[in-house]
C-alpha cells in the first residue's frame, strides 16, 4: 500500500471514521472544470479520490459514467491527461489519488511505462474494473515496482475462497461492489446486500474493505459501511455535476458550492440524496 493510502486508513481508524472516496471522470464535465471540481471535492471531505480515465467501452459503468466518459472523449481527453491532472492535484494536496479505468489503454501504453509515469505524477494506486487478479501479475509487478497500490473488486456472487484470494493479491483495499450490476444500480434488496457485506468482512482480513455502487446519500453510506471500512460514491456525483453544468442558470460559483454541500453531506449527513 502506498504511504499516503496507509496513512489515510490509519488516521481514520484512530478516529473511528469511515473512509469516503469520490469518483470523477477526468475531463468531465469539461477539461477546464475537472481540476476545480477535484479541489472542491477534496476540501469538502473526501478521504481519497478516484480519477476516472475516459474509455470508449466502459463495461462496468452505468449510463451516468458512460456519458461522462463520452463527454470527456469528445473534448479530446486522453490517457496521458490523467497524469497532468494528477500532477496538478498532487502539488496542492496530499489526499490519496487513484486512477480508475480499463486495461486496454494501459496495455497499449506499456505496463511499466504507465506505472512509472503514474507514480511520478503523484498517483497512489490503480483500480481496473476489467482486470481479473489472476491475469494481472505483470501489471501488479510493475505497480509494485513503482509503489502503486492495486485494488481489486468483488461482487455479491464472488465465492468466499475467491474473496480470500483477491484479498491476498490486493495491495490497497478490496472494493466490494454492492450489486451484481453496473455503477449507479439501485440497491434492490438491502438485506441481501448486508448479508453479502458481512460475509465479505469475514473473508477480507489483509486489506481495508470498501463498498461502492448505488450509494446516493449519507444514509446509504452509513448503512452499507457498517460492515466495511468505508464507501465510494461515483454515479451520484456524476449525475449532480452533469445537471449543474448543463443548467445555464447556474454560475460557476453556485455549481461549486452545490457540489461542496453534496460531498460534505455524504460523509456528515447534512445534505439530501441526488435522484
Protein backbone atom coordinates (compact mmCIF):
# COMPACT_ATOMS: atom_id res chain seq x y z
CA UNK A 1 0.00 0.00 0.00
CA UNK A 2 1.26 3.49 -0.78
CA UNK A 3 2.35 5.65 2.14
CA UNK A 4 -0.46 8.15 1.59
CA UNK A 5 -3.14 5.44 1.48
CA UNK A 6 -1.73 3.73 4.57
CA UNK A 7 -1.56 6.98 6.49
CA UNK A 8 -5.14 7.82 5.49
CA UNK A 9 -6.55 4.49 6.65
CA UNK A 10 -4.50 4.58 9.87
CA UNK A 11 -5.69 8.09 10.72
CA UNK A 12 -9.33 7.25 10.06
CA UNK A 13 -9.13 4.07 12.11
CA UNK A 14 -7.63 6.01 15.01
CA UNK A 15 -10.54 8.47 14.83
CA UNK A 16 -13.17 5.77 14.37
CA UNK A 17 -14.22 7.16 10.98
CA UNK A 18 -15.14 5.51 7.71
CA UNK A 19 -13.19 6.36 4.57
CA UNK A 20 -15.08 8.25 1.88
CA UNK A 21 -13.91 8.01 -1.72
CA UNK A 22 -15.31 10.10 -4.57
CA UNK A 23 -15.05 9.27 -8.27
CA UNK A 24 -14.78 11.89 -11.00
CA UNK A 25 -14.02 11.28 -14.67
CA UNK A 26 -11.01 13.22 -15.91
CA UNK A 27 -12.08 15.83 -18.46
CA UNK A 28 -15.67 15.87 -17.18
CA UNK A 29 -17.82 17.91 -17.37
CA UNK A 30 -15.16 19.65 -19.47
CA UNK A 31 -11.37 19.81 -19.22
CA UNK A 32 -11.41 23.27 -17.63
CA UNK A 33 -13.76 22.22 -14.81
CA UNK A 34 -12.21 18.94 -13.68
CA UNK A 35 -9.41 20.48 -11.65
CA UNK A 36 -11.51 22.98 -9.69
CA UNK A 37 -14.01 20.20 -9.02
CA UNK A 38 -11.27 17.97 -7.63
CA UNK A 39 -10.24 20.81 -5.35
CA UNK A 40 -13.80 21.26 -4.08
CA UNK A 41 -14.26 17.52 -3.54
CA UNK A 42 -11.02 17.39 -1.61
CA UNK A 43 -11.85 20.39 0.57
CA UNK A 44 -15.39 19.11 1.23
CA UNK A 45 -14.11 15.99 2.99
CA UNK A 46 -13.05 13.29 0.52
CA UNK A 47 -10.57 10.94 2.16
CA UNK A 48 -9.40 9.74 -1.23
CA UNK A 49 -10.31 10.41 -4.85
CA UNK A 50 -10.67 8.11 -7.83
CA UNK A 51 -9.86 9.85 -11.10
CA UNK A 52 -11.54 8.08 -13.98
CA UNK A 53 -9.61 7.61 -17.21
CA UNK A 54 -12.17 8.05 -20.02
CA UNK A 55 -12.63 4.95 -22.16
CA UNK A 56 -14.82 4.21 -25.15
CA UNK A 57 -16.12 0.88 -23.81
CA UNK A 58 -16.52 1.14 -20.01
CA UNK A 59 -18.03 -2.28 -19.36
CA UNK A 60 -18.81 -1.87 -15.66
CA UNK A 61 -20.35 1.58 -15.90
CA UNK A 62 -23.96 2.61 -15.91
CA UNK A 63 -25.34 5.41 -18.07
CA UNK A 64 -24.09 8.40 -16.00
CA UNK A 65 -20.43 7.39 -16.09
CA UNK A 66 -20.75 6.19 -19.69
CA UNK A 67 -21.95 9.68 -20.59
CA UNK A 68 -19.14 11.26 -18.59
CA UNK A 69 -16.54 9.21 -20.47
CA UNK A 70 -18.14 10.05 -23.82
CA UNK A 71 -18.23 13.74 -22.94
CA UNK A 72 -14.56 13.76 -21.92
CA UNK A 73 -13.51 11.88 -25.06
CA UNK A 74 -15.43 14.36 -27.20
CA UNK A 75 -13.33 17.08 -25.60
CA UNK A 76 -10.22 15.23 -26.76
CA UNK A 77 -9.18 13.97 -23.32
CA UNK A 78 -6.67 11.12 -23.48
CA UNK A 79 -4.95 8.74 -21.10
CA UNK A 80 -1.89 10.92 -20.55
CA UNK A 81 -4.09 13.83 -19.49
CA UNK A 82 -4.74 11.92 -16.27
CA UNK A 83 -1.05 12.28 -15.41
CA UNK A 84 -1.19 16.05 -15.89
CA UNK A 85 -4.31 16.26 -13.71
CA UNK A 86 -2.66 14.11 -11.04
CA UNK A 87 0.45 16.31 -11.06
CA UNK A 88 -1.70 19.42 -10.65
CA UNK A 89 -3.64 17.83 -7.78
CA UNK A 90 -0.56 16.49 -6.01
CA UNK A 91 1.05 19.92 -6.00
CA UNK A 92 -1.92 21.11 -3.90
CA UNK A 93 -2.97 18.17 -1.75
CA UNK A 94 -1.73 15.02 -0.04
CA UNK A 95 -5.13 13.31 -0.30
CA UNK A 96 -4.63 9.88 -1.90
CA UNK A 97 -5.47 9.76 -5.62
CA UNK A 98 -6.13 6.55 -7.55
CA UNK A 99 -6.64 6.10 -11.28
CA UNK A 100 -9.68 4.04 -12.26
CA UNK A 101 -10.31 2.67 -15.72
CA UNK A 102 -9.86 -0.28 -18.05
CA UNK A 103 -6.92 -2.40 -19.08
CA UNK A 104 -6.69 -1.90 -22.85
CA UNK A 105 -5.26 1.65 -22.90
CA UNK A 106 -2.72 0.71 -20.22
CA UNK A 107 -1.70 -2.41 -22.14
CA UNK A 108 -1.09 -0.28 -25.22
CA UNK A 109 0.85 2.29 -23.21
CA UNK A 110 3.01 -0.42 -21.61
CA UNK A 111 2.59 -1.59 -18.03
CA UNK A 112 5.96 -0.47 -16.72
CA UNK A 113 5.86 2.88 -18.50
CA UNK A 114 2.31 3.55 -17.32
CA UNK A 115 3.05 2.70 -13.69
CA UNK A 116 6.27 4.74 -13.76
CA UNK A 117 4.53 7.79 -15.20
CA UNK A 118 1.54 7.47 -12.86
CA UNK A 119 3.77 7.25 -9.80
CA UNK A 120 5.85 10.22 -10.95
CA UNK A 121 2.62 12.20 -11.32
CA UNK A 122 1.70 11.50 -7.69
CA UNK A 123 -0.83 8.70 -8.19
CA UNK A 124 -1.21 6.25 -5.29
CA UNK A 125 -2.95 3.27 -6.85
CA UNK A 126 -4.90 1.67 -9.68
CA UNK A 127 -8.42 0.26 -9.98
CA UNK A 128 -9.12 -1.58 -13.24
CA UNK A 129 -12.65 -2.92 -13.46
CA UNK A 130 -11.94 -5.49 -16.18
CA UNK A 131 -8.71 -6.98 -14.81
CA UNK A 132 -9.10 -10.39 -13.12
CA UNK A 133 -6.40 -10.59 -10.44
CA UNK A 134 -5.23 -13.98 -11.73
CA UNK A 135 -4.40 -12.43 -15.10
CA UNK A 136 -2.80 -9.28 -13.80
CA UNK A 137 0.55 -10.40 -12.43
CA UNK A 138 2.63 -8.47 -14.97
CA UNK A 139 0.81 -5.24 -14.20
CA UNK A 140 0.86 -5.96 -10.47
CA UNK A 141 4.65 -6.41 -10.63
CA UNK A 142 5.01 -3.10 -12.48
CA UNK A 143 2.74 -1.37 -9.96
CA UNK A 144 4.69 -2.78 -7.02
CA UNK A 145 7.99 -1.62 -8.52
CA UNK A 146 6.55 1.89 -8.92
CA UNK A 147 5.00 1.99 -5.43
CA UNK A 148 1.40 1.89 -6.65
CA UNK A 149 -1.36 0.04 -4.82
CA UNK A 150 -3.53 -2.43 -6.71
CA UNK A 151 -7.24 -2.51 -5.84
CA UNK A 152 -9.39 -5.45 -6.91
CA UNK A 153 -13.17 -5.83 -6.99
CA UNK A 154 -15.51 -8.42 -5.54
CA UNK A 155 -19.27 -8.80 -6.06
CA UNK A 156 -22.20 -10.49 -4.33
CA UNK A 157 -21.67 -13.63 -6.43
CA UNK A 158 -17.96 -13.92 -5.58
CA UNK A 159 -17.35 -17.14 -3.59
CA UNK A 160 -15.61 -16.96 -0.23
CA UNK A 161 -12.49 -18.71 -1.49
CA UNK A 162 -12.10 -16.22 -4.31
CA UNK A 163 -12.66 -13.27 -1.96
CA UNK A 164 -9.80 -14.56 0.19
CA UNK A 165 -7.60 -14.96 -2.90
CA UNK A 166 -8.40 -11.41 -4.04
CA UNK A 167 -7.63 -10.10 -0.56
CA UNK A 168 -4.26 -11.85 -0.73
CA UNK A 169 -3.42 -10.14 -4.05
CA UNK A 170 -4.72 -6.65 -3.27
CA UNK A 171 -2.26 -4.05 -2.00
CA UNK A 172 -4.56 -1.08 -1.44
CA UNK A 173 -8.05 -2.17 -0.48
CA UNK A 174 -10.74 -4.59 -1.62
CA UNK A 175 -13.60 -2.89 -3.47
CA UNK A 176 -16.91 -4.58 -2.66
CA UNK A 177 -19.36 -3.90 -5.48
CA UNK A 178 -22.71 -3.77 -3.69
CA UNK A 179 -24.77 -5.24 -6.54
CA UNK A 180 -24.31 -7.66 -9.39
CA UNK A 181 -24.70 -4.91 -11.94
CA UNK A 182 -23.39 -1.59 -13.20
CA UNK A 183 -22.35 1.58 -11.42
CA UNK A 184 -25.36 3.59 -10.33
CA UNK A 185 -27.54 0.50 -9.93
CA UNK A 186 -30.35 0.53 -7.41
CA UNK A 187 -29.95 -1.41 -4.16
CA UNK A 188 -32.96 -3.65 -4.68
CA UNK A 189 -32.55 -5.99 -1.68
CA UNK A 190 -30.89 -4.25 1.28
CA UNK A 191 -30.97 -7.39 3.44
CA UNK A 192 -29.12 -9.39 0.79
CA UNK A 193 -26.54 -6.64 0.36
CA UNK A 194 -25.96 -6.52 4.11
CA UNK A 195 -25.54 -10.29 4.29
CA UNK A 196 -23.03 -10.16 1.43
CA UNK A 197 -21.01 -7.40 3.11
CA UNK A 198 -21.00 -9.29 6.39
CA UNK A 199 -19.68 -12.33 4.52
CA UNK A 200 -17.05 -10.24 2.74
CA UNK A 201 -15.99 -8.71 6.05
CA UNK A 202 -15.23 -12.16 7.41
CA UNK A 203 -13.10 -13.07 4.39
CA UNK A 204 -11.16 -9.82 3.90
CA UNK A 205 -8.54 -9.76 6.64
CA UNK A 206 -5.42 -8.31 4.99
CA UNK A 207 -6.81 -5.13 3.44
CA UNK A 208 -9.40 -2.48 4.19
CA UNK A 209 -12.80 -3.32 2.70
CA UNK A 210 -14.76 -0.54 0.97
CA UNK A 211 -18.19 -0.65 -0.62
CA UNK A 212 -19.41 1.12 -3.74
CA UNK A 213 -22.15 1.19 -6.43
CA UNK A 214 -25.61 2.57 -5.69
CA UNK A 215 -24.72 4.94 -2.84
CA UNK A 216 -26.54 8.25 -3.18
CA UNK A 217 -26.86 9.65 0.32
CA UNK A 218 -25.35 9.77 3.78
CA UNK A 219 -27.96 7.26 4.88
CA UNK A 220 -26.91 4.80 2.16
CA UNK A 221 -23.26 5.30 3.07
CA UNK A 222 -23.81 4.84 6.78
CA UNK A 223 -25.90 1.72 6.34
CA UNK A 224 -23.61 0.00 3.83
CA UNK A 225 -20.36 0.92 5.52
CA UNK A 226 -21.48 -0.55 8.82
CA UNK A 227 -19.63 -3.74 7.84
CA UNK A 228 -16.84 -2.10 5.86
CA UNK A 229 -14.05 0.42 6.36
CA UNK A 230 -15.63 2.99 4.09
CA UNK A 231 -17.59 3.73 0.95
CA UNK A 232 -17.18 5.09 -2.58
CA UNK A 233 -19.58 7.34 -4.50
CA UNK A 234 -19.38 7.88 -8.25
CA UNK A 235 -22.59 7.96 -10.25
CA UNK A 236 -24.48 10.21 -7.82
CA UNK A 237 -21.73 12.82 -8.06
CA UNK A 238 -21.51 12.48 -11.84
CA UNK A 239 -25.29 12.99 -12.15
CA UNK A 240 -25.14 16.08 -9.98
CA UNK A 241 -22.25 17.62 -11.91
CA UNK A 242 -23.91 16.87 -15.24
CA UNK A 243 -27.14 18.54 -14.13
CA UNK A 244 -25.37 21.60 -12.75
CA UNK A 245 -23.10 22.16 -15.73
CA UNK A 246 -25.95 21.69 -18.21
CA UNK A 247 -28.06 24.31 -16.44
CA UNK A 248 -27.25 27.75 -17.93
CA UNK A 249 -28.88 29.45 -14.96
CA UNK A 250 -26.11 28.19 -12.66
CA UNK A 251 -22.99 30.27 -12.08
CA UNK A 252 -19.62 28.59 -11.69
CA UNK A 253 -19.64 29.54 -8.02
CA UNK A 254 -23.13 28.12 -7.41
CA UNK A 255 -22.15 24.86 -9.10
CA UNK A 256 -19.07 24.57 -6.95
CA UNK A 257 -20.99 25.31 -3.78
CA UNK A 258 -23.68 22.72 -4.56
CA UNK A 259 -21.01 20.07 -5.13
CA UNK A 260 -19.29 21.09 -1.90
CA UNK A 261 -22.51 20.70 0.11
CA UNK A 262 -23.29 17.35 -1.51
CA UNK A 263 -19.88 15.86 -0.79
CA UNK A 264 -19.83 17.17 2.77
CA UNK A 265 -23.33 15.79 3.28
CA UNK A 266 -22.38 12.32 2.09
CA UNK A 267 -19.95 11.99 4.96
CA UNK A 268 -21.54 14.11 7.66
CA UNK A 269 -25.25 13.88 6.91
CA UNK A 270 -26.08 17.48 6.06
CA UNK A 271 -27.46 17.01 2.54
CA UNK A 272 -30.06 15.09 0.57
CA UNK A 273 -29.68 12.27 -1.98
CA UNK A 274 -29.38 13.12 -5.65
CA UNK A 275 -32.01 11.37 -7.78
